[in-house]
Amino acid sequence: MTLSLWLHECTRVFSDRLVNNEDRAWFLNLQKQELQSCCKLCYDEVVSTDRIIYGDYLIPGADPKVYKQVTDMERLVSVVEEYLEDYNTENNAAMPLVMFLDAIEHVSRICRVIRLPLGNALLLGVGGSGRQSLTRLAAYMEEFTLFQIEVVKGYGINEWKEDLRKVLLMAGSEGKEVVFVFTDTQIVFESFLEDLNNILNSGDVPNLMGHEELETISSAIRPILQAEGLAATKNNVYSTFLQRVRSRIHLVICLSPIGDAFKHRLTIINSIVNCCTTK
């Protein structure tokens, strides 16, 4: 690992969780001090740009995608604006976003989280702060399928279960990389969060799949097991399905940190913190 990547990882793991500029400045000074004392190097010798940004999206359509440091900020802005223009061309609901560097940093962070197996994110902010829009753009940049429920009048438990079956089959049976965006305004029943907690923990929601869905799962997974030389038993089929679900579904949960409801939900739904990267 290069020193710039090491600094980047420290920033992503620790500094991204800090809540004010004073603490971020303290962490930056700590990095500079440790770099000087441990490596006998100045920070400016290692980091040649104002921001440390890594991504795998600089070459649209590249296969394989290469995760590397972005050193040309003007090119970065141009590339992300091109992604946004393409997204707006392909989708009816266009996003009139202004891609300044702070917003691009947030997009890069979301890309970094969802590109990993078991990569889930908890985005904190008030409504209208761009949590959903930046996630949609990040999913498009990573060439993932975006899934989001549509809460209309009469939307209840049955409709929720149907949507969950749909998204789990997309990831587990069809093998698609799916970004599942869920916001606090879509919490019609608190049990919705309990189901998301189960998906984060195990990839499974108890008593969700019926006989028809189990047949679909079996038809999709049996050839995979046979190719790997494994017995296509019911247990192997379903455990493989759940592994595929966990590695291919990327939950992005958008919550507002204002009010007691947020604290209460974090207390009772542990996986929202334990299994998500907070931004």
Protein backbone atom coordinates (compact mmCIF):
# COMPACT_ATOMS: atom_id res chain seq x y z
CA MET A 1 0.00 0.00 0.00
CA THR A 2 1.41 3.41 -0.99
CA LEU A 3 1.56 6.14 1.63
CA SER A 4 -1.04 8.24 -0.17
CA LEU A 5 -3.44 5.27 -0.21
CA TRP A 6 -2.71 4.66 3.48
CA LEU A 7 -3.59 8.27 4.25
CA HIS A 8 -6.71 7.95 2.13
CA GLU A 9 -7.85 4.82 3.99
CA CYS A 10 -7.26 6.49 7.37
CA THR A 11 -9.29 9.47 6.22
CA ARG A 12 -12.15 7.31 4.98
CA VAL A 13 -12.24 5.10 8.08
CA PHE A 14 -11.82 7.80 10.74
CA SER A 15 -12.09 11.36 9.45
CA ASP A 16 -15.29 10.75 7.47
CA ARG A 17 -17.06 10.03 10.75
CA LEU A 18 -16.04 13.29 12.42
CA VAL A 19 -18.80 15.86 12.72
CA ASN A 20 -17.08 19.27 12.72
CA ASN A 21 -14.18 21.09 11.07
CA GLU A 22 -12.25 21.41 14.34
CA ASP A 23 -12.02 17.63 14.72
CA ARG A 24 -11.15 17.17 11.04
CA ALA A 25 -8.33 19.69 11.34
CA TRP A 26 -7.06 17.84 14.44
CA PHE A 27 -7.05 14.54 12.54
CA LEU A 28 -5.20 16.08 9.57
CA ASN A 29 -2.52 17.45 11.92
CA LEU A 30 -2.26 14.04 13.57
CA GLN A 31 -1.64 12.43 10.16
CA LYS A 32 1.08 14.98 9.41
CA GLN A 33 2.77 14.39 12.76
CA GLU A 34 2.71 10.59 12.44
CA LEU A 35 3.98 10.77 8.86
CA GLN A 36 6.89 12.93 10.02
CA SER A 37 7.76 10.83 13.09
CA CYS A 38 7.31 7.36 11.54
CA CYS A 39 8.35 7.89 7.92
CA LYS A 40 10.49 11.04 8.14
CA LEU A 41 8.39 12.58 5.38
CA CYS A 42 6.45 15.80 5.07
CA TYR A 43 2.76 15.56 4.21
CA ASP A 44 3.26 17.69 1.06
CA GLU A 45 5.85 15.20 -0.22
CA VAL A 46 3.28 12.41 -0.17
CA VAL A 47 0.10 14.28 -1.10
CA SER A 48 0.45 16.53 -4.13
CA THR A 49 -3.24 17.54 -4.33
CA ASP A 50 -5.59 19.49 -2.04
CA ARG A 51 -7.85 16.44 -1.66
CA ILE A 52 -7.11 12.72 -1.53
CA ILE A 53 -9.71 11.11 -3.80
CA TYR A 54 -9.61 7.54 -5.09
CA GLY A 55 -12.05 5.97 -7.54
CA ASP A 56 -12.52 3.35 -10.24
CA TYR A 57 -14.75 5.44 -12.49
CA LEU A 58 -12.32 7.71 -14.34
CA ILE A 59 -12.53 5.61 -17.52
CA PRO A 60 -16.23 5.03 -18.29
CA GLY A 61 -16.93 1.49 -19.46
CA ALA A 62 -13.49 0.19 -18.44
CA ASP A 63 -13.24 -3.57 -17.84
CA PRO A 64 -11.79 -4.20 -15.36
CA LYS A 65 -12.27 -1.00 -13.41
CA VAL A 66 -9.03 0.21 -11.80
CA TYR A 67 -9.22 1.81 -8.34
CA LYS A 68 -6.59 4.56 -8.24
CA GLN A 69 -5.88 8.04 -7.00
CA VAL A 70 -7.35 11.02 -8.82
CA THR A 71 -4.70 13.66 -9.35
CA ASP A 72 -6.34 15.87 -12.00
CA MET A 73 -9.29 17.61 -10.35
CA GLU A 74 -10.38 19.40 -13.52
CA ARG A 75 -10.61 16.08 -15.34
CA LEU A 76 -12.46 14.58 -12.38
CA VAL A 77 -15.14 17.28 -12.50
CA SER A 78 -15.44 16.84 -16.27
CA VAL A 79 -15.82 13.04 -16.02
CA VAL A 80 -18.47 13.21 -13.27
CA GLU A 81 -20.41 15.89 -15.15
CA GLU A 82 -20.34 13.61 -18.20
CA TYR A 83 -21.73 10.75 -16.11
CA LEU A 84 -24.48 13.06 -14.84
CA GLU A 85 -25.34 14.20 -18.37
CA ASP A 86 -25.57 10.58 -19.54
CA TYR A 87 -27.75 9.70 -16.55
CA ASN A 88 -30.15 12.55 -17.28
CA THR A 89 -30.32 11.52 -20.92
CA GLU A 90 -31.21 7.92 -20.07
CA ASN A 91 -33.68 8.63 -17.27
CA ASN A 92 -36.97 10.48 -17.30
CA ALA A 93 -36.42 11.98 -13.84
CA ALA A 94 -33.42 14.19 -14.56
CA MET A 95 -31.26 15.42 -11.67
CA PRO A 96 -30.24 19.10 -12.05
CA LEU A 97 -27.14 18.80 -9.87
CA VAL A 98 -24.15 21.12 -9.65
CA MET A 99 -21.08 18.88 -9.32
CA PHE A 100 -18.66 20.89 -7.18
CA LEU A 101 -15.76 19.08 -5.51
CA ASP A 102 -17.45 18.52 -2.14
CA ALA A 103 -20.37 16.78 -3.85
CA ILE A 104 -17.97 14.74 -6.00
CA GLU A 105 -16.13 13.64 -2.86
CA HIS A 106 -19.42 12.35 -1.45
CA VAL A 107 -20.14 10.49 -4.70
CA SER A 108 -16.66 8.96 -4.57
CA ARG A 109 -17.24 7.77 -1.01
CA ILE A 110 -20.54 6.15 -1.95
CA CYS A 111 -18.90 4.50 -4.99
CA ARG A 112 -16.14 3.17 -2.74
CA VAL A 113 -18.64 1.61 -0.32
CA ILE A 114 -21.01 -0.01 -2.83
CA ARG A 115 -18.26 -1.42 -5.04
CA LEU A 116 -17.30 -3.82 -2.24
CA PRO A 117 -19.09 -7.09 -1.39
CA LEU A 118 -21.19 -6.50 1.76
CA GLY A 119 -20.80 -2.78 1.10
CA ASN A 120 -23.70 -0.92 2.70
CA ALA A 121 -23.99 2.75 3.64
CA LEU A 122 -25.84 4.85 6.20
CA LEU A 123 -26.19 8.42 4.92
CA LEU A 124 -27.08 11.05 7.51
CA GLY A 125 -28.54 14.41 6.61
CA VAL A 126 -31.73 16.40 6.42
CA GLY A 127 -34.12 16.03 3.50
CA GLY A 128 -32.97 17.80 0.36
CA SER A 129 -29.25 17.50 1.17
CA GLY A 130 -28.62 15.28 -1.86
CA ARG A 131 -28.37 11.85 -0.22
CA GLN A 132 -30.62 10.10 -2.75
CA SER A 133 -29.44 12.01 -5.82
CA LEU A 134 -25.76 11.37 -5.16
CA THR A 135 -26.50 7.69 -4.50
CA ARG A 136 -28.35 7.39 -7.82
CA LEU A 137 -25.38 8.96 -9.59
CA ALA A 138 -22.90 6.70 -7.78
CA ALA A 139 -24.91 3.59 -8.71
CA TYR A 140 -24.95 4.73 -12.33
CA MET A 141 -21.20 5.34 -12.31
CA GLU A 142 -20.59 1.83 -10.95
CA GLU A 143 -23.05 0.38 -13.51
CA PHE A 144 -25.26 -1.09 -10.78
CA THR A 145 -29.04 -1.50 -10.82
CA LEU A 146 -30.85 1.02 -8.62
CA PHE A 147 -33.90 -0.14 -6.67
CA GLN A 148 -36.21 2.00 -4.57
CA ILE A 149 -39.73 1.39 -3.30
CA GLU A 150 -42.51 3.78 -4.25
CA VAL A 151 -44.70 4.60 -1.27
CA VAL A 152 -48.17 5.51 -2.52
CA LYS A 153 -51.55 5.60 -0.82
CA GLY A 154 -52.36 2.14 0.52
CA TYR A 155 -48.75 0.96 0.52
CA GLY A 156 -48.49 -1.57 3.34
CA ILE A 157 -46.87 -4.77 4.55
CA ASN A 158 -47.95 -6.87 1.54
CA GLU A 159 -46.55 -4.38 -0.97
CA TRP A 160 -43.34 -4.10 1.07
CA LYS A 161 -42.91 -7.89 1.13
CA GLU A 162 -43.44 -8.04 -2.63
CA ASP A 163 -40.78 -5.38 -3.19
CA LEU A 164 -38.37 -7.25 -0.91
CA ARG A 165 -38.94 -10.50 -2.81
CA LYS A 166 -38.25 -8.66 -6.05
CA VAL A 167 -34.98 -7.10 -4.94
CA LEU A 168 -33.67 -10.27 -3.26
CA LEU A 169 -34.34 -12.31 -6.39
CA MET A 170 -32.62 -9.69 -8.55
CA ALA A 171 -29.44 -10.07 -6.49
CA GLY A 172 -29.56 -13.73 -5.50
CA SER A 173 -31.10 -15.43 -8.54
CA GLU A 174 -30.27 -13.05 -11.40
CA GLY A 175 -26.84 -12.12 -10.01
CA LYS A 176 -27.31 -8.37 -10.46
CA GLU A 177 -25.43 -5.81 -8.39
CA VAL A 178 -28.28 -3.85 -6.79
CA VAL A 179 -28.20 -0.59 -4.86
CA PHE A 180 -31.29 -0.54 -2.64
CA VAL A 181 -31.98 3.04 -1.51
CA PHE A 182 -34.27 3.46 1.49
CA THR A 183 -35.12 6.71 3.30
CA ASP A 184 -36.75 7.51 6.63
CA THR A 185 -39.73 9.05 4.81
CA GLN A 186 -40.52 5.56 3.49
CA ILE A 187 -40.85 4.00 6.94
CA VAL A 188 -44.59 3.33 6.87
CA PHE A 189 -44.16 0.69 9.57
CA GLU A 190 -41.19 0.26 11.90
CA SER A 191 -41.11 -3.42 10.87
CA PHE A 192 -39.60 -2.22 7.56
CA LEU A 193 -36.39 -1.47 9.46
CA GLU A 194 -36.47 -4.88 11.14
CA ASP A 195 -36.58 -6.54 7.71
CA LEU A 196 -33.64 -4.40 6.52
CA ASN A 197 -31.82 -5.40 9.70
CA ASN A 198 -32.30 -9.07 8.74
CA ILE A 199 -31.00 -8.46 5.21
CA LEU A 200 -27.90 -6.73 6.59
CA ASN A 201 -27.30 -9.56 9.05
CA SER A 202 -27.99 -12.65 6.97
CA GLY A 203 -29.46 -11.69 3.59
CA ASP A 204 -32.71 -13.37 4.57
CA VAL A 205 -36.13 -12.21 5.75
CA PRO A 206 -38.01 -14.97 7.64
CA ASN A 207 -41.05 -16.42 5.86
CA LEU A 208 -40.64 -14.12 2.88
CA MET A 209 -40.26 -16.58 0.02
CA GLY A 210 -43.20 -18.70 -1.14
CA HIS A 211 -43.14 -21.95 -3.09
CA GLU A 212 -42.97 -20.18 -6.46
CA GLU A 213 -39.99 -18.03 -5.40
CA LEU A 214 -38.17 -21.05 -3.96
CA GLU A 215 -38.56 -22.84 -7.30
CA THR A 216 -37.12 -19.80 -9.08
CA ILE A 217 -34.18 -19.76 -6.67
CA SER A 218 -33.56 -23.46 -7.11
CA SER A 219 -33.58 -23.21 -10.92
CA ALA A 220 -31.05 -20.35 -10.84
CA ILE A 221 -28.68 -21.74 -8.18
CA ARG A 222 -28.51 -25.46 -9.08
CA PRO A 223 -26.37 -24.90 -12.24
CA ILE A 224 -23.98 -22.77 -10.17
CA LEU A 225 -23.56 -25.51 -7.58
CA GLN A 226 -23.10 -28.14 -10.26
CA ALA A 227 -20.37 -26.05 -11.93
CA GLU A 228 -18.58 -25.87 -8.57
CA GLY A 229 -18.95 -29.61 -8.01
CA LEU A 230 -21.25 -29.20 -5.00
CA ALA A 231 -24.36 -31.22 -4.20
CA ALA A 232 -27.53 -29.32 -5.14
CA THR A 233 -29.29 -29.97 -1.82
CA LYS A 234 -31.95 -27.60 -0.51
CA ASN A 235 -29.59 -26.32 2.18
CA ASN A 236 -26.76 -25.69 -0.31
CA VAL A 237 -29.12 -24.00 -2.75
CA TYR A 238 -30.56 -21.59 -0.20
CA SER A 239 -27.26 -20.84 1.57
CA THR A 240 -25.65 -20.03 -1.79
CA PHE A 241 -28.61 -17.81 -2.63
CA LEU A 242 -28.19 -15.91 0.64
CA GLN A 243 -24.45 -15.48 0.07
CA ARG A 244 -25.17 -13.99 -3.35
CA VAL A 245 -27.81 -11.70 -1.85
CA ARG A 246 -25.48 -10.37 0.84
CA SER A 247 -22.59 -9.76 -1.56
CA ARG A 248 -24.69 -8.18 -4.33
CA ILE A 249 -27.27 -6.07 -2.48
CA HIS A 250 -25.88 -2.75 -1.31
CA LEU A 251 -28.26 -1.07 1.09
CA VAL A 252 -28.03 2.71 1.25
CA ILE A 253 -30.16 3.88 4.17
CA CYS A 254 -30.81 7.62 4.32
CA LEU A 255 -31.81 8.93 7.75
CA SER A 256 -32.15 12.35 9.33
CA PRO A 257 -30.11 12.68 12.56
CA ILE A 258 -32.62 15.21 13.94
CA GLY A 259 -35.03 14.07 16.64
CA ASP A 260 -35.43 11.21 19.06
CA ALA A 261 -36.66 8.75 16.41
CA PHE A 262 -33.16 8.49 14.96
CA LYS A 263 -31.57 7.61 18.32
CA HIS A 264 -34.32 5.09 19.08
CA ARG A 265 -33.92 3.36 15.72
CA LEU A 266 -30.17 3.04 16.07
CA THR A 267 -30.66 1.53 19.52
CA ILE A 268 -33.06 -1.22 18.45
CA ILE A 269 -31.77 -1.87 14.90
CA ASN A 270 -28.10 -2.62 15.57
CA SER A 271 -27.13 -3.68 12.04
CA ILE A 272 -27.81 -0.21 10.68
CA VAL A 273 -24.63 0.81 12.51
CA ASN A 274 -22.70 -2.47 12.65
CA CYS A 275 -23.11 -3.44 8.98
CA CYS A 276 -23.08 -0.01 7.34
CA THR A 277 -20.42 2.57 6.60
CA THR A 278 -21.64 5.92 7.95
CA LYS A 279 -21.36 9.06 5.84
